[in-house]
């Protein structure tokens, strides 16, 4: 029974990490597209998404170390 629960937890963590990676890639794409076209709204949205992912990653890493 515990093996099943562990595999479920691993799959949830895997989904969260892949979702985080997707948001990071989309943020970088939006940032680059905004810079290329001169759209301040897309540039700000991309920068916000990238910063948010970095902050979440750093906070999770810090809590895991405690």
PDB file of N, CA and C in Angstrom:
ATOM      1  N   UNK A   1       0.814  -1.189   0.000  1.00  0.00           N
ATOM      2  CA  UNK A   1       0.000   0.000   0.000  1.00  0.00           C
ATOM      3  C   UNK A   1       0.868   1.267   0.000  1.00  0.00           C
ATOM      4  N   UNK A   2       1.975   1.264   0.745  1.00  0.00           N
ATOM      5  CA  UNK A   2       2.815   2.460   0.794  1.00  0.00           C
ATOM      6  C   UNK A   2       3.518   2.710  -0.534  1.00  0.00           C
ATOM      7  N   UNK A   3       3.819   1.651  -1.275  1.00  0.00           N
ATOM      8  CA  UNK A   3       4.464   1.818  -2.572  1.00  0.00           C
ATOM      9  C   UNK A   3       3.576   2.574  -3.532  1.00  0.00           C
ATOM     10  N   UNK A   4       2.273   2.318  -3.482  1.00  0.00           N
ATOM     11  CA  UNK A   4       1.335   3.014  -4.350  1.00  0.00           C
ATOM     12  C   UNK A   4       1.271   4.500  -3.990  1.00  0.00           C
ATOM     13  N   UNK A   5       1.258   4.791  -2.698  1.00  0.00           N
ATOM     14  CA  UNK A   5       1.210   6.185  -2.254  1.00  0.00           C
ATOM     15  C   UNK A   5       2.487   6.928  -2.656  1.00  0.00           C
ATOM     16  N   UNK A   6       3.626   6.276  -2.544  1.00  0.00           N
ATOM     17  CA  UNK A   6       4.890   6.898  -2.934  1.00  0.00           C
ATOM     18  C   UNK A   6       4.912   7.200  -4.428  1.00  0.00           C
ATOM     19  N   UNK A   7       4.414   6.280  -5.238  1.00  0.00           N
ATOM     20  CA  UNK A   7       4.399   6.525  -6.679  1.00  0.00           C
ATOM     21  C   UNK A   7       3.439   7.652  -7.030  1.00  0.00           C
ATOM     22  N   UNK A   8       2.338   7.784  -6.281  1.00  0.00           N
ATOM     23  CA  UNK A   8       1.418   8.895  -6.517  1.00  0.00           C
ATOM     24  C   UNK A   8       2.075  10.219  -6.163  1.00  0.00           C
ATOM     25  N   UNK A   9       2.817  10.254  -5.061  1.00  0.00           N
ATOM     26  CA  UNK A   9       3.501  11.481  -4.663  1.00  0.00           C
ATOM     27  C   UNK A   9       4.569  11.861  -5.679  1.00  0.00           C
ATOM     28  N   UNK A  10       5.278  10.886  -6.200  1.00  0.00           N
ATOM     29  CA  UNK A  10       6.311  11.150  -7.196  1.00  0.00           C
ATOM     30  C   UNK A  10       5.682  11.701  -8.472  1.00  0.00           C
ATOM     31  N   UNK A  11       4.543  11.143  -8.880  1.00  0.00           N
ATOM     32  CA  UNK A  11       3.907  11.631 -10.097  1.00  0.00           C
ATOM     33  C   UNK A  11       3.377  13.054  -9.908  1.00  0.00           C
ATOM     34  N   UNK A  12       2.898  13.385  -8.712  1.00  0.00           N
ATOM     35  CA  UNK A  12       2.430  14.745  -8.450  1.00  0.00           C
ATOM     36  C   UNK A  12       3.596  15.718  -8.506  1.00  0.00           C
ATOM     37  N   UNK A  13       4.714  15.356  -7.910  1.00  0.00           N
ATOM     38  CA  UNK A  13       5.902  16.216  -7.947  1.00  0.00           C
ATOM     39  C   UNK A  13       6.382  16.378  -9.388  1.00  0.00           C
ATOM     40  N   UNK A  14       6.365  15.306 -10.146  1.00  0.00           N
ATOM     41  CA  UNK A  14       6.763  15.376 -11.551  1.00  0.00           C
ATOM     42  C   UNK A  14       5.870  16.302 -12.351  1.00  0.00           C
ATOM     43  N   UNK A  15       4.582  16.249 -12.090  1.00  0.00           N
ATOM     44  CA  UNK A  15       3.649  17.139 -12.796  1.00  0.00           C
ATOM     45  C   UNK A  15       3.895  18.590 -12.422  1.00  0.00           C
ATOM     46  N   UNK A  16       4.133  18.852 -11.148  1.00  0.00           N
ATOM     47  CA  UNK A  16       4.386  20.228 -10.721  1.00  0.00           C
ATOM     48  C   UNK A  16       5.670  20.774 -11.335  1.00  0.00           C
ATOM     49  N   UNK A  17       6.706  19.942 -11.377  1.00  0.00           N
ATOM     50  CA  UNK A  17       7.969  20.400 -11.963  1.00  0.00           C
ATOM     51  C   UNK A  17       7.824  20.650 -13.454  1.00  0.00           C
ATOM     52  N   UNK A  18       7.087  19.783 -14.135  1.00  0.00           N
ATOM     53  CA  UNK A  18       6.918  19.990 -15.567  1.00  0.00           C
ATOM     54  C   UNK A  18       6.044  21.215 -15.826  1.00  0.00           C
ATOM     55  N   UNK A  19       5.052  21.461 -14.969  1.00  0.00           N
ATOM     56  CA  UNK A  19       4.225  22.652 -15.107  1.00  0.00           C
ATOM     57  C   UNK A  19       5.056  23.903 -14.854  1.00  0.00           C
ATOM     58  N   UNK A  20       5.925  23.843 -13.856  1.00  0.00           N
ATOM     59  CA  UNK A  20       6.811  24.972 -13.562  1.00  0.00           C
ATOM     60  C   UNK A  20       7.742  25.241 -14.740  1.00  0.00           C
ATOM     61  N   UNK A  21       8.267  24.183 -15.336  1.00  0.00           N
ATOM     62  CA  UNK A  21       9.151  24.343 -16.494  1.00  0.00           C
ATOM     63  C   UNK A  21       8.387  24.939 -17.675  1.00  0.00           C
ATOM     64  N   UNK A  22       7.148  24.523 -17.871  1.00  0.00           N
ATOM     65  CA  UNK A  22       6.334  25.058 -18.961  1.00  0.00           C
ATOM     66  C   UNK A  22       6.070  26.552 -18.760  1.00  0.00           C
ATOM     67  N   UNK A  23       5.749  26.954 -17.545  1.00  0.00           N
ATOM     68  CA  UNK A  23       5.512  28.370 -17.259  1.00  0.00           C
ATOM     69  C   UNK A  23       6.793  29.169 -17.486  1.00  0.00           C
ATOM     70  N   UNK A  24       7.937  28.613 -17.102  1.00  0.00           N
ATOM     71  CA  UNK A  24       9.216  29.294 -17.310  1.00  0.00           C
ATOM     72  C   UNK A  24       9.493  29.483 -18.803  1.00  0.00           C
ATOM     73  N   UNK A  25       9.291  28.433 -19.585  1.00  0.00           N
ATOM     74  CA  UNK A  25       9.541  28.517 -21.035  1.00  0.00           C
ATOM     75  C   UNK A  25       8.587  29.516 -21.683  1.00  0.00           C
ATOM     76  N   UNK A  26       7.322  29.485 -21.281  1.00  0.00           N
ATOM     77  CA  UNK A  26       6.359  30.431 -21.849  1.00  0.00           C
ATOM     78  C   UNK A  26       6.699  31.873 -21.434  1.00  0.00           C
ATOM     79  N   UNK A  27       7.190  32.051 -20.220  1.00  0.00           N
ATOM     80  CA  UNK A  27       7.607  33.377 -19.775  1.00  0.00           C
ATOM     81  C   UNK A  27       8.783  33.903 -20.577  1.00  0.00           C
ATOM     82  N   UNK A  28       9.751  33.036 -20.829  1.00  0.00           N
ATOM     83  CA  UNK A  28      10.907  33.435 -21.643  1.00  0.00           C
ATOM     84  C   UNK A  28      10.471  33.753 -23.071  1.00  0.00           C
ATOM     85  N   UNK A  29       9.574  32.925 -23.617  1.00  0.00           N
ATOM     86  CA  UNK A  29       9.078  33.167 -24.979  1.00  0.00           C
ATOM     87  C   UNK A  29       8.333  34.496 -25.054  1.00  0.00           C
ATOM     88  N   UNK A  30       7.506  34.773 -24.060  1.00  0.00           N
ATOM     89  CA  UNK A  30       6.771  36.035 -24.033  1.00  0.00           C
ATOM     90  C   UNK A  30       7.718  37.221 -23.877  1.00  0.00           C
ATOM     91  N   UNK A  31       8.734  37.055 -23.054  1.00  0.00           N
ATOM     92  CA  UNK A  31       9.723  38.111 -22.853  1.00  0.00           C
ATOM     93  C   UNK A  31      10.472  38.415 -24.156  1.00  0.00           C
ATOM     94  N   UNK A  32      10.916  37.374 -24.840  1.00  0.00           N
ATOM     95  CA  UNK A  32      11.648  37.555 -26.098  1.00  0.00           C
ATOM     96  C   UNK A  32      10.739  38.153 -27.166  1.00  0.00           C
ATOM     97  N   UNK A  33       9.517  37.653 -27.255  1.00  0.00           N
ATOM     98  CA  UNK A  33       8.573  38.170 -28.252  1.00  0.00           C
ATOM     99  C   UNK A  33       8.244  39.636 -27.972  1.00  0.00           C
ATOM    100  N   UNK A  34       8.054  39.969 -26.712  1.00  0.00           N
ATOM    101  CA  UNK A  34       7.765  41.354 -26.357  1.00  0.00           C
ATOM    102  C   UNK A  34       8.913  42.280 -26.678  1.00  0.00           C
ATOM    103  N   UNK A  35      10.139  41.820 -26.441  1.00  0.00           N
ATOM    104  CA  UNK A  35      11.311  42.639 -26.772  1.00  0.00           C
ATOM    105  C   UNK A  35      11.464  42.797 -28.287  1.00  0.00           C
ATOM    106  N   UNK A  36      11.175  41.721 -29.035  1.00  0.00           N
ATOM    107  CA  UNK A  36      11.328  41.756 -30.485  1.00  0.00           C
ATOM    108  C   UNK A  36      10.293  42.672 -31.134  1.00  0.00           C
ATOM    109  N   UNK A  37       9.070  42.686 -30.616  1.00  0.00           N
ATOM    110  CA  UNK A  37       8.015  43.490 -31.224  1.00  0.00           C
ATOM    111  C   UNK A  37       7.857  44.856 -30.578  1.00  0.00           C
ATOM    112  N   UNK A  38       8.489  45.069 -29.445  1.00  0.00           N
ATOM    113  CA  UNK A  38       8.382  46.348 -28.757  1.00  0.00           C
ATOM    114  C   UNK A  38       7.121  46.475 -27.925  1.00  0.00           C
ATOM    115  N   UNK A  39       6.490  45.359 -27.618  1.00  0.00           N
ATOM    116  CA  UNK A  39       5.270  45.367 -26.818  1.00  0.00           C
ATOM    117  C   UNK A  39       5.646  45.343 -25.337  1.00  0.00           C
ATOM    118  N   UNK A  40       5.373  46.430 -24.645  1.00  0.00           N
ATOM    119  CA  UNK A  40       5.732  46.531 -23.234  1.00  0.00           C
ATOM    120  C   UNK A  40       4.893  45.589 -22.372  1.00  0.00           C
ATOM    121  N   UNK A  41       3.653  45.371 -22.778  1.00  0.00           N
ATOM    122  CA  UNK A  41       2.763  44.498 -22.007  1.00  0.00           C
ATOM    123  C   UNK A  41       3.284  43.056 -22.018  1.00  0.00           C
ATOM    124  N   UNK A  42       3.667  42.556 -23.190  1.00  0.00           N
ATOM    125  CA  UNK A  42       4.189  41.184 -23.276  1.00  0.00           C
ATOM    126  C   UNK A  42       5.536  41.041 -22.587  1.00  0.00           C
ATOM    127  N   UNK A  43       6.355  42.072 -22.683  1.00  0.00           N
ATOM    128  CA  UNK A  43       7.656  42.045 -22.017  1.00  0.00           C
ATOM    129  C   UNK A  43       7.484  41.982 -20.506  1.00  0.00           C
ATOM    130  N   UNK A  44       6.586  42.800 -19.979  1.00  0.00           N
ATOM    131  CA  UNK A  44       6.336  42.799 -18.538  1.00  0.00           C
ATOM    132  C   UNK A  44       5.724  41.471 -18.089  1.00  0.00           C
ATOM    133  N   UNK A  45       4.813  40.926 -18.858  1.00  0.00           N
ATOM    134  CA  UNK A  45       4.197  39.639 -18.526  1.00  0.00           C
ATOM    135  C   UNK A  45       5.236  38.519 -18.521  1.00  0.00           C
ATOM    136  N   UNK A  46       6.105  38.507 -19.513  1.00  0.00           N
ATOM    137  CA  UNK A  46       7.159  37.493 -19.576  1.00  0.00           C
ATOM    138  C   UNK A  46       8.140  37.620 -18.428  1.00  0.00           C
ATOM    139  N   UNK A  47       8.533  38.845 -18.113  1.00  0.00           N
ATOM    140  CA  UNK A  47       9.467  39.061 -17.003  1.00  0.00           C
ATOM    141  C   UNK A  47       8.832  38.651 -15.679  1.00  0.00           C
ATOM    142  N   UNK A  48       7.550  38.959 -15.506  1.00  0.00           N
ATOM    143  CA  UNK A  48       6.852  38.581 -14.281  1.00  0.00           C
ATOM    144  C   UNK A  48       6.764  37.059 -14.141  1.00  0.00           C
ATOM    145  N   UNK A  49       6.474  36.381 -15.234  1.00  0.00           N
ATOM    146  CA  UNK A  49       6.372  34.925 -15.188  1.00  0.00           C
ATOM    147  C   UNK A  49       7.719  34.287 -14.852  1.00  0.00           C
ATOM    148  N   UNK A  50       8.769  34.772 -15.465  1.00  0.00           N
ATOM    149  CA  UNK A  50      10.105  34.224 -15.200  1.00  0.00           C
ATOM    150  C   UNK A  50      10.511  34.484 -13.752  1.00  0.00           C
ATOM    151  N   UNK A  51      10.289  35.686 -13.260  1.00  0.00           N
ATOM    152  CA  UNK A  51      10.632  36.006 -11.877  1.00  0.00           C
ATOM    153  C   UNK A  51       9.811  35.190 -10.887  1.00  0.00           C
ATOM    154  N   UNK A  52       8.544  34.978 -11.193  1.00  0.00           N
ATOM    155  CA  UNK A  52       7.695  34.191 -10.310  1.00  0.00           C
ATOM    156  C   UNK A  52       8.182  32.751 -10.205  1.00  0.00           C
ATOM    157  N   UNK A  53       8.556  32.160 -11.316  1.00  0.00           N
ATOM    158  CA  UNK A  53       9.064  30.780 -11.294  1.00  0.00           C
ATOM    159  C   UNK A  53      10.372  30.708 -10.521  1.00  0.00           C
ATOM    160  N   UNK A  54      11.241  31.677 -10.719  1.00  0.00           N
ATOM    161  CA  UNK A  54      12.518  31.686  -9.999  1.00  0.00           C
ATOM    162  C   UNK A  54      12.291  31.829  -8.502  1.00  0.00           C
ATOM    163  N   UNK A  55      11.373  32.714  -8.105  1.00  0.00           N
ATOM    164  CA  UNK A  55      11.086  32.892  -6.688  1.00  0.00           C
ATOM    165  C   UNK A  55      10.489  31.635  -6.069  1.00  0.00           C
ATOM    166  N   UNK A  56       9.563  31.000  -6.763  1.00  0.00           N
ATOM    167  CA  UNK A  56       8.966  29.769  -6.247  1.00  0.00           C
ATOM    168  C   UNK A  56      10.029  28.688  -6.109  1.00  0.00           C
ATOM    169  N   UNK A  57      10.898  28.565  -7.089  1.00  0.00           N
ATOM    170  CA  UNK A  57      11.963  27.572  -7.035  1.00  0.00           C
ATOM    171  C   UNK A  57      12.888  27.817  -5.846  1.00  0.00           C
ATOM    172  N   UNK A  58      13.271  29.084  -5.635  1.00  0.00           N
ATOM    173  CA  UNK A  58      14.176  29.407  -4.527  1.00  0.00           C
ATOM    174  C   UNK A  58      13.510  29.184  -3.176  1.00  0.00           C
ATOM    175  N   UNK A  59      12.237  29.531  -3.056  1.00  0.00           N
ATOM    176  CA  UNK A  59      11.530  29.327  -1.797  1.00  0.00           C
ATOM    177  C   UNK A  59      11.373  27.842  -1.480  1.00  0.00           C
ATOM    178  N   UNK A  60      11.044  27.060  -2.478  1.00  0.00           N
ATOM    179  CA  UNK A  60      10.895  25.609  -2.255  1.00  0.00           C
ATOM    180  C   UNK A  60      12.232  24.983  -1.892  1.00  0.00           C
ATOM    181  N   UNK A  61      13.299  25.443  -2.534  1.00  0.00           N
ATOM    182  CA  UNK A  61      14.620  24.903  -2.241  1.00  0.00           C
ATOM    183  C   UNK A  61      15.067  25.272  -0.818  1.00  0.00           C
ATOM    184  N   UNK A  62      14.733  26.486  -0.404  1.00  0.00           N
ATOM    185  CA  UNK A  62      15.104  26.943   0.922  1.00  0.00           C
ATOM    186  C   UNK A  62      14.342  26.148   1.989  1.00  0.00           C
ATOM    187  N   UNK A  63      13.064  25.900   1.779  1.00  0.00           N
ATOM    188  CA  UNK A  63      12.276  25.158   2.747  1.00  0.00           C
ATOM    189  C   UNK A  63      12.698  23.696   2.815  1.00  0.00           C
ATOM    190  N   UNK A  64      13.119  23.151   1.693  1.00  0.00           N
ATOM    191  CA  UNK A  64      13.552  21.759   1.671  1.00  0.00           C
ATOM    192  C   UNK A  64      14.839  21.590   2.467  1.00  0.00           C
ATOM    193  N   UNK A  65      15.680  22.600   2.487  1.00  0.00           N
ATOM    194  CA  UNK A  65      16.941  22.555   3.206  1.00  0.00           C
ATOM    195  C   UNK A  65      16.778  22.659   4.718  1.00  0.00           C
ATOM    196  N   UNK A  66      15.655  23.169   5.174  1.00  0.00           N
ATOM    197  CA  UNK A  66      15.453  23.359   6.616  1.00  0.00           C
ATOM    198  C   UNK A  66      15.154  22.063   7.321  1.00  0.00           C
TER     199      UNK A  66
END
